[in-house]
Every structure is written in structure tokens, then in C-alpha cells.
Amino acid sequence: MSPLVFRAAAAADIAAVVALVESAYRGDASRAGWTTEADFLDGRRTGPDEIEAILVQSRSRIVLAERDGELIACAHVAVEDDAGYFGMFSVDPTQQAGGIGKAVLAEAERVARGEWGMNAMRMSVLDIRDELIAYYERRGYRRTGIKKPFPYDDDNFGMPKRADLRFEILEKPL
């Protein structure tokens, strides 16, 4: 198997990134993997407008992971409130549980620490996602106890199927 190759996304990658993120989180295609949110969120997970905005921000990058020229994973890494921020983490649902996610997370941490000098990485995770939180805890992230409300009035975060959604902040020293 060929090694993963990492690079920063560019404008030409926007459509592919949107397709990958949507396939990992929404609809029936996402059910092939274990990261689906299809049981509690409908609607879009991201769109070209959001990806384009990320690409033009300073100290913000979408890290792409490719194998043999094929996009198989991505994540948004940025500087936010004097720490690294990790989000929009997506691995092709048919290739999950094979170590790709661990490698992408390590690359995002390298960017935050090595290129931007951040001493910590933070992320927001829906607090009902016990299996996903456990995944991050195995990689050194800790629950901070900080909870943030889910933006029920903003369709850019999806259309909730339940009324108990909220985010919890996880953090890891780098």
C-alpha cells in the first residue's frame, strides 16, 4: 500500500473536500463508517462557501491526505484563541478504522505545534458521541467540561433530529 501524502488544500480542491466531508458525516454513504452523524443531523455538514472562507484565513489550513493521488481524508487546523483548533475531520467511510485518521490527527498537531507554535490543540465534539470522544481520549485529548450550545438556528451546522445536542471542548497539550 502506498504511503499517505499530506498537503494543504487549494481552491481547486473545494468540490472534492465538500464531497468527502459530506460522505463522512451525512446521508446513507456515511453509514459505511463509524463517524456518521446521520442519526441525529440532516442537511449539509459543509459547503463550498465555508471551505473557501477557511482557505483565505491566516493560520488556517485544510490538511488533505491522499494516497496515489486520491483524496481519502482531510481536517481543518487553525489558530483560535491562542491554541490550535482541529475540526471538520473526515476520512472516507470505506477506509475508516485503518489508521488513516490517527495519521491525519498527528499531521494537524504537527502543523499547529511546529508551524504555528501552539502549545495545545482544541476541538468541539458533540457530547453524545461517546465512541468518538473515546477515540480522541486514546490519543491524549481530555474532556474540559466546557460545554457550548448547539446552534439550532443555524442550518450551516445541519438540521437537528433531536433536542439534546451540544458541544464539549476537548483539549490536548502539544
Protein backbone atom coordinates (compact mmCIF):
# COMPACT_ATOMS: atom_id res chain seq x y z
CA MET A 1 0.00 0.00 0.00
CA SER A 2 1.32 3.43 -0.91
CA PRO A 3 2.05 5.92 1.88
CA LEU A 4 -0.23 8.83 2.73
CA VAL A 5 0.83 12.16 1.26
CA PHE A 6 -0.20 15.34 3.09
CA ARG A 7 -0.71 18.74 1.53
CA ALA A 8 -2.67 21.92 2.09
CA ALA A 9 -5.94 22.27 0.21
CA ALA A 10 -6.23 24.89 -2.52
CA ALA A 11 -9.22 26.44 -4.30
CA ALA A 12 -9.15 23.65 -6.90
CA ASP A 13 -9.84 21.13 -4.09
CA ILE A 14 -13.05 22.73 -2.77
CA ALA A 15 -15.54 20.42 -4.51
CA ALA A 16 -13.60 17.28 -3.52
CA VAL A 17 -13.32 18.42 0.11
CA VAL A 18 -17.06 19.15 0.32
CA ALA A 19 -17.86 15.73 -1.18
CA LEU A 20 -15.53 13.94 1.27
CA VAL A 21 -16.86 15.75 4.34
CA GLU A 22 -20.47 15.17 3.36
CA SER A 23 -19.80 11.46 2.72
CA ALA A 24 -18.21 11.05 6.17
CA TYR A 25 -20.99 12.75 8.16
CA ARG A 26 -24.31 12.83 6.32
CA GLY A 27 -26.63 10.52 4.44
CA ASP A 28 -26.55 6.81 3.80
CA ALA A 29 -22.97 6.85 2.43
CA SER A 30 -21.73 7.95 5.86
CA ARG A 31 -23.16 4.81 7.47
CA ALA A 32 -20.34 2.77 5.89
CA GLY A 33 -18.03 4.30 8.52
CA TRP A 34 -18.31 4.80 12.25
CA THR A 35 -18.21 8.63 12.29
CA THR A 36 -21.67 9.23 10.81
CA GLU A 37 -23.94 11.88 12.26
CA ALA A 38 -26.85 10.78 10.06
CA ASP A 39 -28.90 9.54 13.03
CA PHE A 40 -29.09 12.96 14.67
CA LEU A 41 -28.35 15.55 11.96
CA ASP A 42 -29.67 16.09 8.43
CA GLY A 43 -28.74 18.79 5.96
CA ARG A 44 -25.31 19.92 5.00
CA ARG A 45 -22.16 19.46 7.04
CA THR A 46 -20.21 21.97 4.97
CA GLY A 47 -20.34 23.75 1.66
CA PRO A 48 -18.11 25.50 -0.86
CA ASP A 49 -18.66 28.83 0.91
CA GLU A 50 -17.29 27.51 4.22
CA ILE A 51 -14.31 25.80 2.60
CA GLU A 52 -13.44 28.91 0.61
CA ALA A 53 -13.58 31.04 3.78
CA ILE A 54 -11.25 28.62 5.59
CA LEU A 55 -8.74 28.72 2.75
CA VAL A 56 -8.34 32.51 2.87
CA GLN A 57 -7.96 32.83 6.66
CA SER A 58 -4.48 33.35 8.04
CA ARG A 59 -3.12 30.49 10.16
CA SER A 60 -5.86 28.23 8.89
CA ARG A 61 -5.46 25.21 6.64
CA ILE A 62 -7.34 22.21 5.41
CA VAL A 63 -4.89 19.34 5.56
CA LEU A 64 -5.51 16.80 2.82
CA ALA A 65 -4.38 13.17 2.99
CA GLU A 66 -4.02 11.47 -0.37
CA ARG A 67 -2.95 8.02 -1.45
CA ASP A 68 -1.96 7.51 -5.08
CA GLY A 69 -3.45 10.93 -5.89
CA GLU A 70 -6.85 10.08 -4.37
CA LEU A 71 -8.26 12.25 -1.56
CA ILE A 72 -9.10 9.96 1.35
CA ALA A 73 -9.08 12.25 4.40
CA CYS A 74 -8.99 15.87 5.48
CA ALA A 75 -9.12 18.09 8.55
CA HIS A 76 -9.28 21.79 9.30
CA VAL A 77 -6.48 23.05 11.52
CA ALA A 78 -6.21 26.68 12.60
CA VAL A 79 -5.16 29.02 15.38
CA GLU A 80 -8.08 30.03 17.58
CA ASP A 81 -7.85 31.70 20.99
CA ASP A 82 -4.08 31.07 21.33
CA ALA A 83 -4.39 27.31 20.69
CA GLY A 84 -4.58 25.03 17.73
CA TYR A 85 -8.10 24.20 16.57
CA PHE A 86 -8.95 20.85 14.97
CA GLY A 87 -12.20 20.28 13.12
CA MET A 88 -14.03 19.02 10.04
CA PHE A 89 -12.11 15.76 10.42
CA SER A 90 -13.19 13.41 7.65
CA VAL A 91 -11.98 10.03 6.45
CA ASP A 92 -13.57 8.23 3.50
CA PRO A 93 -16.15 5.99 5.25
CA THR A 94 -14.96 2.92 3.31
CA GLN A 95 -11.40 3.43 4.61
CA GLN A 96 -12.07 4.18 8.28
CA ALA A 97 -10.59 2.14 11.15
CA GLY A 98 -7.29 1.59 9.32
CA GLY A 99 -5.04 4.20 10.94
CA ILE A 100 -5.61 7.00 8.44
CA GLY A 101 -7.38 9.19 10.99
CA LYS A 102 -4.59 8.79 13.52
CA ALA A 103 -2.07 9.91 10.87
CA VAL A 104 -4.17 12.94 9.88
CA LEU A 105 -4.60 13.97 13.51
CA ALA A 106 -0.82 13.70 14.05
CA GLU A 107 -0.19 15.85 10.95
CA ALA A 108 -2.65 18.51 12.17
CA GLU A 109 -0.92 18.56 15.57
CA ARG A 110 2.45 18.90 13.82
CA VAL A 111 1.18 21.92 11.88
CA ALA A 112 -0.26 23.60 14.99
CA ARG A 113 2.85 22.98 17.08
CA GLY A 114 5.64 23.02 14.51
CA GLU A 115 4.49 25.74 12.12
CA TRP A 116 2.37 27.95 14.36
CA GLY A 117 3.99 27.39 17.78
CA MET A 118 0.79 26.35 19.56
CA ASN A 119 1.12 24.53 22.89
CA ALA A 120 -2.35 22.95 22.85
CA MET A 121 -4.94 21.66 20.39
CA ARG A 122 -8.68 22.03 20.99
CA MET A 123 -11.76 20.70 19.28
CA SER A 124 -15.52 20.74 19.69
CA VAL A 125 -17.28 17.38 19.71
CA LEU A 126 -20.97 16.66 20.12
CA ASP A 127 -21.09 15.38 23.69
CA ILE A 128 -23.42 12.50 22.79
CA ARG A 129 -20.65 10.99 20.62
CA ASP A 130 -19.18 8.73 23.32
CA GLU A 131 -17.31 6.46 20.88
CA LEU A 132 -15.76 9.46 19.10
CA ILE A 133 -14.77 11.14 22.39
CA ALA A 134 -13.16 7.85 23.49
CA TYR A 135 -11.19 7.81 20.21
CA TYR A 136 -9.77 11.25 20.96
CA GLU A 137 -9.09 10.36 24.61
CA ARG A 138 -6.97 7.41 23.44
CA ARG A 139 -4.90 9.98 21.52
CA GLY A 140 -4.28 12.20 24.54
CA TYR A 141 -7.27 14.56 24.42
CA ARG A 142 -9.16 15.28 27.62
CA ARG A 143 -12.67 16.49 28.26
CA THR A 144 -12.52 20.04 29.60
CA GLY A 145 -16.06 20.08 30.95
CA ILE A 146 -16.70 23.19 28.86
CA LYS A 147 -20.00 22.78 27.02
CA LYS A 148 -21.31 25.00 24.25
CA PRO A 149 -24.87 25.07 22.94
CA PHE A 150 -25.64 23.62 19.56
CA PRO A 151 -26.64 26.40 17.13
CA TYR A 152 -30.15 25.13 16.40
CA ASP A 153 -30.98 28.31 14.48
CA ASP A 154 -28.08 27.95 12.00
CA ASP A 155 -28.67 25.47 9.17
CA ASN A 156 -24.94 25.61 8.35
CA PHE A 157 -24.45 23.16 11.23
CA GLY A 158 -27.10 20.80 9.96
CA MET A 159 -30.74 20.20 10.73
CA PRO A 160 -31.02 18.50 14.14
CA LYS A 161 -33.18 15.42 14.61
CA ARG A 162 -33.04 15.71 18.40
CA ALA A 163 -33.20 18.47 21.00
CA ASP A 164 -30.31 17.50 23.29
CA LEU A 165 -27.30 18.38 21.10
CA ARG A 166 -24.42 20.41 22.50
CA PHE A 167 -20.67 20.58 22.03
CA GLU A 168 -17.97 19.72 24.52
CA ILE A 169 -14.45 21.12 24.19
CA LEU A 170 -11.62 18.56 24.20
CA GLU A 171 -8.01 19.65 24.62
CA LYS A 172 -4.54 18.14 24.38
CA PRO A 173 -1.19 19.70 25.29
CA LEU A 174 1.18 19.63 22.33
